Amino acid sequence: MMEVLAPFRRRIDELDDEIVRLLAERFAVVRQVADVKRSECIPSVLPDRIEAVKARAARNAAARGLDPSFARRLYGLIIDEACRLEDDLIDAG
């Protein structure tokens, strides 16, 4: 019975690996942003930008048949971590 799920599980694992790779790439850019924010004295948290990113994620999710509120929550977590990382890097600089 479980064998029938094996190809789906393999594909999900592949997609999960890609999601993590993309998140690592996103956070590499966040590190670059932190450098610019530090040198230009820009605050790490920019509420208008945060809302724009969440709204864009919600629109993209809806266009692909996903729950927009799920996308907002997911991006809330991603953004929270990005802001934490920026704060740490800016403070350390």
PDB file of N, CA and C in Angstrom:
ATOM      1  N   MET A   1       0.814  -1.185   0.000  1.00  0.00           N
ATOM      2  CA  MET A   1       0.000   0.000   0.000  1.00  0.00           C
ATOM      3  C   MET A   1       0.866   1.262   0.000  1.00  0.00           C
ATOM      4  N   MET A   2       1.915   1.291   0.809  1.00  0.00           N
ATOM      5  CA  MET A   2       2.775   2.466   0.907  1.00  0.00           C
ATOM      6  C   MET A   2       3.595   2.681  -0.365  1.00  0.00           C
ATOM      7  N   GLU A   3       3.809   1.606  -1.114  1.00  0.00           N
ATOM      8  CA  GLU A   3       4.581   1.723  -2.352  1.00  0.00           C
ATOM      9  C   GLU A   3       3.909   2.648  -3.347  1.00  0.00           C
ATOM     10  N   VAL A   4       2.605   2.708  -3.319  1.00  0.00           N
ATOM     11  CA  VAL A   4       1.876   3.562  -4.245  1.00  0.00           C
ATOM     12  C   VAL A   4       2.162   5.046  -3.964  1.00  0.00           C
ATOM     13  N   LEU A   5       2.545   5.347  -2.740  1.00  0.00           N
ATOM     14  CA  LEU A   5       2.854   6.735  -2.367  1.00  0.00           C
ATOM     15  C   LEU A   5       4.307   7.120  -2.640  1.00  0.00           C
ATOM     16  N   ALA A   6       5.157   6.142  -2.861  1.00  0.00           N
ATOM     17  CA  ALA A   6       6.591   6.391  -3.005  1.00  0.00           C
ATOM     18  C   ALA A   6       6.925   7.453  -4.056  1.00  0.00           C
ATOM     19  N   PRO A   7       6.359   7.416  -5.257  1.00  0.00           N
ATOM     20  CA  PRO A   7       6.717   8.443  -6.244  1.00  0.00           C
ATOM     21  C   PRO A   7       6.282   9.844  -5.815  1.00  0.00           C
ATOM     22  N   PHE A   8       5.148   9.920  -5.143  1.00  0.00           N
ATOM     23  CA  PHE A   8       4.675  11.216  -4.659  1.00  0.00           C
ATOM     24  C   PHE A   8       5.587  11.752  -3.559  1.00  0.00           C
ATOM     25  N   ARG A   9       5.989  10.859  -2.686  1.00  0.00           N
ATOM     26  CA  ARG A   9       6.892  11.266  -1.606  1.00  0.00           C
ATOM     27  C   ARG A   9       8.238  11.724  -2.149  1.00  0.00           C
ATOM     28  N   ARG A  10       8.740  11.013  -3.145  1.00  0.00           N
ATOM     29  CA  ARG A  10      10.006  11.433  -3.764  1.00  0.00           C
ATOM     30  C   ARG A  10       9.867  12.823  -4.363  1.00  0.00           C
ATOM     31  N   ARG A  11       8.771  13.067  -5.059  1.00  0.00           N
ATOM     32  CA  ARG A  11       8.559  14.382  -5.686  1.00  0.00           C
ATOM     33  C   ARG A  11       8.400  15.471  -4.625  1.00  0.00           C
ATOM     34  N   ILE A  12       7.682  15.187  -3.570  1.00  0.00           N
ATOM     35  CA  ILE A  12       7.541  16.156  -2.473  1.00  0.00           C
ATOM     36  C   ILE A  12       8.902  16.450  -1.859  1.00  0.00           C
ATOM     37  N   ASP A  13       9.714  15.422  -1.661  1.00  0.00           N
ATOM     38  CA  ASP A  13      11.070  15.629  -1.121  1.00  0.00           C
ATOM     39  C   ASP A  13      11.896  16.513  -2.049  1.00  0.00           C
ATOM     40  N   GLU A  14      11.793  16.276  -3.340  1.00  0.00           N
ATOM     41  CA  GLU A  14      12.520  17.111  -4.309  1.00  0.00           C
ATOM     42  C   GLU A  14      12.058  18.567  -4.235  1.00  0.00           C
ATOM     43  N   LEU A  15      10.764  18.760  -4.154  1.00  0.00           N
ATOM     44  CA  LEU A  15      10.219  20.119  -4.053  1.00  0.00           C
ATOM     45  C   LEU A  15      10.632  20.782  -2.751  1.00  0.00           C
ATOM     46  N   ASP A  16      10.620  20.023  -1.660  1.00  0.00           N
ATOM     47  CA  ASP A  16      11.064  20.570  -0.376  1.00  0.00           C
ATOM     48  C   ASP A  16      12.522  21.001  -0.440  1.00  0.00           C
ATOM     49  N   ASP A  17      13.352  20.200  -1.088  1.00  0.00           N
ATOM     50  CA  ASP A  17      14.762  20.571  -1.260  1.00  0.00           C
ATOM     51  C   ASP A  17      14.879  21.883  -2.035  1.00  0.00           C
ATOM     52  N   GLU A  18      14.062  22.042  -3.057  1.00  0.00           N
ATOM     53  CA  GLU A  18      14.091  23.268  -3.861  1.00  0.00           C
ATOM     54  C   GLU A  18      13.603  24.469  -3.052  1.00  0.00           C
ATOM     55  N   ILE A  19      12.588  24.271  -2.245  1.00  0.00           N
ATOM     56  CA  ILE A  19      12.100  25.359  -1.385  1.00  0.00           C
ATOM     57  C   ILE A  19      13.203  25.828  -0.446  1.00  0.00           C
ATOM     58  N   VAL A  20      13.904  24.898   0.165  1.00  0.00           N
ATOM     59  CA  VAL A  20      14.990  25.254   1.079  1.00  0.00           C
ATOM     60  C   VAL A  20      16.120  25.950   0.325  1.00  0.00           C
ATOM     61  N   ARG A  21      16.438  25.472  -0.872  1.00  0.00           N
ATOM     62  CA  ARG A  21      17.467  26.128  -1.680  1.00  0.00           C
ATOM     63  C   ARG A  21      17.072  27.571  -1.995  1.00  0.00           C
ATOM     64  N   LEU A  22      15.824  27.775  -2.365  1.00  0.00           N
ATOM     65  CA  LEU A  22      15.352  29.125  -2.678  1.00  0.00           C
ATOM     66  C   LEU A  22      15.335  30.019  -1.438  1.00  0.00           C
ATOM     67  N   LEU A  23      14.967  29.459  -0.300  1.00  0.00           N
ATOM     68  CA  LEU A  23      15.009  30.248   0.940  1.00  0.00           C
ATOM     69  C   LEU A  23      16.442  30.654   1.272  1.00  0.00           C
ATOM     70  N   ALA A  24      17.385  29.747   1.078  1.00  0.00           N
ATOM     71  CA  ALA A  24      18.788  30.085   1.329  1.00  0.00           C
ATOM     72  C   ALA A  24      19.237  31.202   0.391  1.00  0.00           C
ATOM     73  N   GLU A  25      18.811  31.149  -0.851  1.00  0.00           N
ATOM     74  CA  GLU A  25      19.144  32.198  -1.813  1.00  0.00           C
ATOM     75  C   GLU A  25      18.506  33.525  -1.399  1.00  0.00           C
ATOM     76  N   ARG A  26      17.254  33.465  -0.956  1.00  0.00           N
ATOM     77  CA  ARG A  26      16.567  34.683  -0.507  1.00  0.00           C
ATOM     78  C   ARG A  26      17.313  35.313   0.669  1.00  0.00           C
ATOM     79  N   PHE A  27      17.733  34.483   1.616  1.00  0.00           N
ATOM     80  CA  PHE A  27      18.415  35.008   2.796  1.00  0.00           C
ATOM     81  C   PHE A  27      19.828  35.491   2.479  1.00  0.00           C
ATOM     82  N   ALA A  28      20.436  34.985   1.439  1.00  0.00           N
ATOM     83  CA  ALA A  28      21.718  35.551   0.983  1.00  0.00           C
ATOM     84  C   ALA A  28      21.501  36.987   0.520  1.00  0.00           C
ATOM     85  N   VAL A  29      20.393  37.237  -0.157  1.00  0.00           N
ATOM     86  CA  VAL A  29      20.061  38.604  -0.573  1.00  0.00           C
ATOM     87  C   VAL A  29      19.741  39.467   0.648  1.00  0.00           C
ATOM     88  N   VAL A  30      19.059  38.899   1.626  1.00  0.00           N
ATOM     89  CA  VAL A  30      18.756  39.628   2.866  1.00  0.00           C
ATOM     90  C   VAL A  30      20.048  40.089   3.534  1.00  0.00           C
ATOM     91  N   ARG A  31      21.073  39.256   3.514  1.00  0.00           N
ATOM     92  CA  ARG A  31      22.361  39.651   4.099  1.00  0.00           C
ATOM     93  C   ARG A  31      22.945  40.854   3.352  1.00  0.00           C
ATOM     94  N   GLN A  32      22.803  40.876   2.045  1.00  0.00           N
ATOM     95  CA  GLN A  32      23.277  42.021   1.262  1.00  0.00           C
ATOM     96  C   GLN A  32      22.463  43.270   1.594  1.00  0.00           C
ATOM     97  N   VAL A  33      21.160  43.105   1.744  1.00  0.00           N
ATOM     98  CA  VAL A  33      20.286  44.224   2.117  1.00  0.00           C
ATOM     99  C   VAL A  33      20.697  44.778   3.474  1.00  0.00           C
ATOM    100  N   ALA A  34      21.023  43.904   4.413  1.00  0.00           N
ATOM    101  CA  ALA A  34      21.445  44.357   5.748  1.00  0.00           C
ATOM    102  C   ALA A  34      22.699  45.217   5.651  1.00  0.00           C
ATOM    103  N   ASP A  35      23.629  44.845   4.790  1.00  0.00           N
ATOM    104  CA  ASP A  35      24.842  45.651   4.604  1.00  0.00           C
ATOM    105  C   ASP A  35      24.489  47.053   4.110  1.00  0.00           C
ATOM    106  N   VAL A  36      23.592  47.128   3.143  1.00  0.00           N
ATOM    107  CA  VAL A  36      23.186  48.431   2.607  1.00  0.00           C
ATOM    108  C   VAL A  36      22.441  49.237   3.668  1.00  0.00           C
ATOM    109  N   LYS A  37      21.527  48.586   4.367  1.00  0.00           N
ATOM    110  CA  LYS A  37      20.773  49.286   5.411  1.00  0.00           C
ATOM    111  C   LYS A  37      21.708  49.818   6.490  1.00  0.00           C
ATOM    112  N   ARG A  38      22.708  49.033   6.861  1.00  0.00           N
ATOM    113  CA  ARG A  38      23.670  49.482   7.873  1.00  0.00           C
ATOM    114  C   ARG A  38      24.449  50.696   7.375  1.00  0.00           C
ATOM    115  N   SER A  39      24.943  50.633   6.160  1.00  0.00           N
ATOM    116  CA  SER A  39      25.769  51.729   5.651  1.00  0.00           C
ATOM    117  C   SER A  39      24.949  52.987   5.358  1.00  0.00           C
ATOM    118  N   GLU A  40      23.672  52.822   5.059  1.00  0.00           N
ATOM    119  CA  GLU A  40      22.808  53.965   4.737  1.00  0.00           C
ATOM    120  C   GLU A  40      21.912  54.386   5.909  1.00  0.00           C
ATOM    121  N   CYS A  41      22.084  53.726   7.071  1.00  0.00           N
ATOM    122  CA  CYS A  41      21.270  54.022   8.264  1.00  0.00           C
ATOM    123  C   CYS A  41      19.767  53.882   7.990  1.00  0.00           C
ATOM    124  N   ILE A  42      19.407  52.817   7.301  1.00  0.00           N
ATOM    125  CA  ILE A  42      18.006  52.506   7.021  1.00  0.00           C
ATOM    126  C   ILE A  42      17.549  51.482   8.057  1.00  0.00           C
ATOM    127  N   PRO A  43      16.383  51.685   8.668  1.00  0.00           N
ATOM    128  CA  PRO A  43      15.918  50.714   9.664  1.00  0.00           C
ATOM    129  C   PRO A  43      15.681  49.331   9.043  1.00  0.00           C
ATOM    130  N   SER A  44      15.865  48.299   9.855  1.00  0.00           N
ATOM    131  CA  SER A  44      15.682  46.938   9.340  1.00  0.00           C
ATOM    132  C   SER A  44      14.213  46.639   9.070  1.00  0.00           C
ATOM    133  N   VAL A  45      13.316  47.223   9.841  1.00  0.00           N
ATOM    134  CA  VAL A  45      11.888  46.962   9.669  1.00  0.00           C
ATOM    135  C   VAL A  45      11.256  48.141   8.936  1.00  0.00           C
ATOM    136  N   LEU A  46      10.693  47.845   7.770  1.00  0.00           N
ATOM    137  CA  LEU A  46      10.001  48.851   6.957  1.00  0.00           C
ATOM    138  C   LEU A  46       8.566  48.359   6.739  1.00  0.00           C
ATOM    139  N   PRO A  47       7.630  48.819   7.594  1.00  0.00           N
ATOM    140  CA  PRO A  47       6.258  48.287   7.566  1.00  0.00           C
ATOM    141  C   PRO A  47       5.583  48.325   6.194  1.00  0.00           C
ATOM    142  N   ASP A  48       5.790  49.393   5.423  1.00  0.00           N
ATOM    143  CA  ASP A  48       5.155  49.457   4.102  1.00  0.00           C
ATOM    144  C   ASP A  48       5.666  48.341   3.193  1.00  0.00           C
ATOM    145  N   ARG A  49       6.964  48.069   3.245  1.00  0.00           N
ATOM    146  CA  ARG A  49       7.548  47.004   2.426  1.00  0.00           C
ATOM    147  C   ARG A  49       7.038  45.646   2.886  1.00  0.00           C
ATOM    148  N   ILE A  50       6.952  45.456   4.191  1.00  0.00           N
ATOM    149  CA  ILE A  50       6.455  44.183   4.725  1.00  0.00           C
ATOM    150  C   ILE A  50       5.043  43.918   4.206  1.00  0.00           C
ATOM    151  N   GLU A  51       4.189  44.910   4.282  1.00  0.00           N
ATOM    152  CA  GLU A  51       2.814  44.736   3.809  1.00  0.00           C
ATOM    153  C   GLU A  51       2.780  44.481   2.302  1.00  0.00           C
ATOM    154  N   ALA A  52       3.621  45.164   1.550  1.00  0.00           N
ATOM    155  CA  ALA A  52       3.650  44.963   0.096  1.00  0.00           C
ATOM    156  C   ALA A  52       4.074  43.537  -0.260  1.00  0.00           C
ATOM    157  N   VAL A  53       5.052  43.002   0.456  1.00  0.00           N
ATOM    158  CA  VAL A  53       5.516  41.626   0.190  1.00  0.00           C
ATOM    159  C   VAL A  53       4.414  40.624   0.529  1.00  0.00           C
ATOM    160  N   LYS A  54       3.750  40.817   1.665  1.00  0.00           N
ATOM    161  CA  LYS A  54       2.668  39.900   2.044  1.00  0.00           C
ATOM    162  C   LYS A  54       1.512  39.971   1.050  1.00  0.00           C
ATOM    163  N   ALA A  55       1.163  41.177   0.621  1.00  0.00           N
ATOM    164  CA  ALA A  55       0.061  41.339  -0.334  1.00  0.00           C
ATOM    165  C   ALA A  55       0.407  40.685  -1.670  1.00  0.00           C
ATOM    166  N   ARG A  56       1.642  40.860  -2.104  1.00  0.00           N
ATOM    167  CA  ARG A  56       2.086  40.239  -3.361  1.00  0.00           C
ATOM    168  C   ARG A  56       2.036  38.715  -3.254  1.00  0.00           C
ATOM    169  N   ALA A  57       2.489  38.182  -2.125  1.00  0.00           N
ATOM    170  CA  ALA A  57       2.443  36.733  -1.915  1.00  0.00           C
ATOM    171  C   ALA A  57       1.005  36.231  -1.929  1.00  0.00           C
ATOM    172  N   ALA A  58       0.103  36.970  -1.304  1.00  0.00           N
ATOM    173  CA  ALA A  58      -1.308  36.571  -1.271  1.00  0.00           C
ATOM    174  C   ALA A  58      -1.903  36.575  -2.678  1.00  0.00           C
ATOM    175  N   ARG A  59      -1.592  37.595  -3.469  1.00  0.00           N
ATOM    176  CA  ARG A  59      -2.092  37.646  -4.852  1.00  0.00           C
ATOM    177  C   ARG A  59      -1.538  36.487  -5.681  1.00  0.00           C
ATOM    178  N   ASN A  60      -0.243  36.237  -5.546  1.00  0.00           N
ATOM    179  CA  ASN A  60       0.379  35.127  -6.283  1.00  0.00           C
ATOM    180  C   ASN A  60      -0.223  33.790  -5.876  1.00  0.00           C
ATOM    181  N   ALA A  61      -0.459  33.623  -4.592  1.00  0.00           N
ATOM    182  CA  ALA A  61      -1.058  32.377  -4.104  1.00  0.00           C
ATOM    183  C   ALA A  61      -2.458  32.199  -4.685  1.00  0.00           C
ATOM    184  N   ALA A  62      -3.253  33.241  -4.606  1.00  0.00           N
ATOM    185  CA  ALA A  62      -4.626  33.155  -5.118  1.00  0.00           C
ATOM    186  C   ALA A  62      -4.629  32.823  -6.605  1.00  0.00           C
ATOM    187  N   ALA A  63      -3.720  33.405  -7.355  1.00  0.00           N
ATOM    188  CA  ALA A  63      -3.641  33.150  -8.796  1.00  0.00           C
ATOM    189  C   ALA A  63      -3.267  31.707  -9.106  1.00  0.00           C
ATOM    190  N   ARG A  64      -2.668  31.026  -8.128  1.00  0.00           N
ATOM    191  CA  ARG A  64      -2.240  29.638  -8.337  1.00  0.00           C
ATOM    192  C   ARG A  64      -3.112  28.637  -7.569  1.00  0.00           C
ATOM    193  N   GLY A  65      -4.253  29.116  -7.094  1.00  0.00           N
ATOM    194  CA  GLY A  65      -5.186  28.224  -6.419  1.00  0.00           C
ATOM    195  C   GLY A  65      -4.847  27.905  -4.978  1.00  0.00           C
ATOM    196  N   LEU A  66      -3.988  28.718  -4.367  1.00  0.00           N
ATOM    197  CA  LEU A  66      -3.631  28.519  -2.964  1.00  0.00           C
ATOM    198  C   LEU A  66      -4.369  29.538  -2.098  1.00  0.00           C
ATOM    199  N   ASP A  67      -4.478  29.232  -0.841  1.00  0.00           N
ATOM    200  CA  ASP A  67      -5.154  30.114   0.113  1.00  0.00           C
ATOM    201  C   ASP A  67      -4.295  31.359   0.361  1.00  0.00           C
ATOM    202  N   PRO A  68      -4.798  32.545   0.028  1.00  0.00           N
ATOM    203  CA  PRO A  68      -4.024  33.769   0.237  1.00  0.00           C
ATOM    204  C   PRO A  68      -3.655  34.010   1.703  1.00  0.00           C
ATOM    205  N   SER A  69      -4.533  33.618   2.618  1.00  0.00           N
ATOM    206  CA  SER A  69      -4.206  33.826   4.033  1.00  0.00           C
ATOM    207  C   SER A  69      -3.058  32.918   4.467  1.00  0.00           C
ATOM    208  N   PHE A  70      -2.974  31.734   3.887  1.00  0.00           N
ATOM    209  CA  PHE A  70      -1.825  30.858   4.142  1.00  0.00           C
ATOM    210  C   PHE A  70      -0.540  31.535   3.674  1.00  0.00           C
ATOM    211  N   ALA A  71      -0.571  32.114   2.469  1.00  0.00           N
ATOM    212  CA  ALA A  71       0.615  32.789   1.928  1.00  0.00           C
ATOM    213  C   ALA A  71       1.021  33.953   2.824  1.00  0.00           C
ATOM    214  N   ARG A  72       0.041  34.716   3.321  1.00  0.00           N
ATOM    215  CA  ARG A  72       0.363  35.833   4.225  1.00  0.00           C
ATOM    216  C   ARG A  72       1.029  35.327   5.502  1.00  0.00           C
ATOM    217  N   ARG A  73       0.497  34.242   6.064  1.00  0.00           N
ATOM    218  CA  ARG A  73       1.095  33.683   7.290  1.00  0.00           C
ATOM    219  C   ARG A  73       2.500  33.164   7.020  1.00  0.00           C
ATOM    220  N   LEU A  74       2.667  32.440   5.915  1.00  0.00           N
ATOM    221  CA  LEU A  74       3.978  31.911   5.567  1.00  0.00           C
ATOM    222  C   LEU A  74       4.982  33.046   5.384  1.00  0.00           C
ATOM    223  N   TYR A  75       4.595  34.064   4.639  1.00  0.00           N
ATOM    224  CA  TYR A  75       5.506  35.180   4.426  1.00  0.00           C
ATOM    225  C   TYR A  75       5.715  35.989   5.696  1.00  0.00           C
ATOM    226  N   GLY A  76       4.751  35.971   6.594  1.00  0.00           N
ATOM    227  CA  GLY A  76       4.976  36.593   7.901  1.00  0.00           C
ATOM    228  C   GLY A  76       6.153  35.937   8.611  1.00  0.00           C
ATOM    229  N   LEU A  77       6.216  34.608   8.567  1.00  0.00           N
ATOM    230  CA  LEU A  77       7.333  33.876   9.177  1.00  0.00           C
ATOM    231  C   LEU A  77       8.652  34.178   8.469  1.00  0.00           C
ATOM    232  N   ILE A  78       8.614  34.180   7.150  1.00  0.00           N
ATOM    233  CA  ILE A  78       9.834  34.456   6.384  1.00  0.00           C
ATOM    234  C   ILE A  78      10.327  35.870   6.666  1.00  0.00           C
ATOM    235  N   ILE A  79       9.421  36.822   6.670  1.00  0.00           N
ATOM    236  CA  ILE A  79       9.792  38.217   6.914  1.00  0.00           C
ATOM    237  C   ILE A  79      10.290  38.415   8.338  1.00  0.00           C
ATOM    238  N   ASP A  80       9.633  37.788   9.300  1.00  0.00           N
ATOM    239  CA  ASP A  80      10.103  37.891  10.694  1.00  0.00           C
ATOM    240  C   ASP A  80      11.551  37.418  10.808  1.00  0.00           C
ATOM    241  N   GLU A  81      11.862  36.303  10.160  1.00  0.00           N
ATOM    242  CA  GLU A  81      13.232  35.779  10.213  1.00  0.00           C
ATOM    243  C   GLU A  81      14.191  36.708   9.479  1.00  0.00           C
ATOM    244  N   ALA A  82      13.752  37.260   8.347  1.00  0.00           N
ATOM    245  CA  ALA A  82      14.608  38.194   7.598  1.00  0.00           C
ATOM    246  C   ALA A  82      14.909  39.433   8.438  1.00  0.00           C
ATOM    247  N   CYS A  83      13.896  39.966   9.119  1.00  0.00           N
ATOM    248  CA  CYS A  83      14.106  41.152   9.967  1.00  0.00           C
ATOM    249  C   CYS A  83      15.023  40.823  11.144  1.00  0.00           C
ATOM    250  N   ARG A  84      14.845  39.633  11.727  1.00  0.00           N
ATOM    251  CA  ARG A  84      15.727  39.225  12.825  1.00  0.00           C
ATOM    252  C   ARG A  84      17.164  39.138  12.347  1.00  0.00           C
ATOM    253  N   LEU A  85      17.363  38.526  11.186  1.00  0.00           N
ATOM    254  CA  LEU A  85      18.700  38.400  10.627  1.00  0.00           C
ATOM    255  C   LEU A  85      19.290  39.777  10.326  1.00  0.00           C
ATOM    256  N   GLU A  86      18.504  40.652   9.709  1.00  0.00           N
ATOM    257  CA  GLU A  86      18.997  42.004   9.435  1.00  0.00           C
ATOM    258  C   GLU A  86      19.387  42.724  10.710  1.00  0.00           C
ATOM    259  N   ASP A  87      18.526  42.637  11.731  1.00  0.00           N
ATOM    260  CA  ASP A  87      18.852  43.267  13.025  1.00  0.00           C
ATOM    261  C   ASP A  87      20.179  42.760  13.550  1.00  0.00           C
ATOM    262  N   ASP A  88      20.353  41.439  13.542  1.00  0.00           N
ATOM    263  CA  ASP A  88      21.600  40.845  14.042  1.00  0.00           C
ATOM    264  C   ASP A  88      22.808  41.350  13.251  1.00  0.00           C
ATOM    265  N   LEU A  89      22.675  41.370  11.934  1.00  0.00           N
ATOM    266  CA  LEU A  89      23.798  41.799  11.094  1.00  0.00           C
ATOM    267  C   LEU A  89      24.084  43.290  11.236  1.00  0.00           C
ATOM    268  N   ILE A  90      23.043  44.080  11.332  1.00  0.00           N
ATOM    269  CA  ILE A  90      23.227  45.525  11.495  1.00  0.00           C
ATOM    270  C   ILE A  90      23.871  45.821  12.848  1.00  0.00           C
ATOM    271  N   ASP A  91      23.399  45.160  13.899  1.00  0.00           N
ATOM    272  CA  ASP A  91      23.977  45.353  15.233  1.00  0.00           C
ATOM    273  C   ASP A  91      25.432  44.898  15.293  1.00  0.00           C
ATOM    274  N   ALA A  92      25.743  43.816  14.588  1.00  0.00           N
ATOM    275  CA  ALA A  92      27.105  43.274  14.609  1.00  0.00           C
ATOM    276  C   ALA A  92      28.071  44.120  13.799  1.00  0.00           C
ATOM    277  N   GLY A  93      27.538  44.899  12.849  1.00  0.00           N
ATOM    278  CA  GLY A  93      28.383  45.677  11.945  1.00  0.00           C
ATOM    279  C   GLY A  93      29.022  46.851  12.596  1.00  0.00           C
TER     280      GLY A  93
END
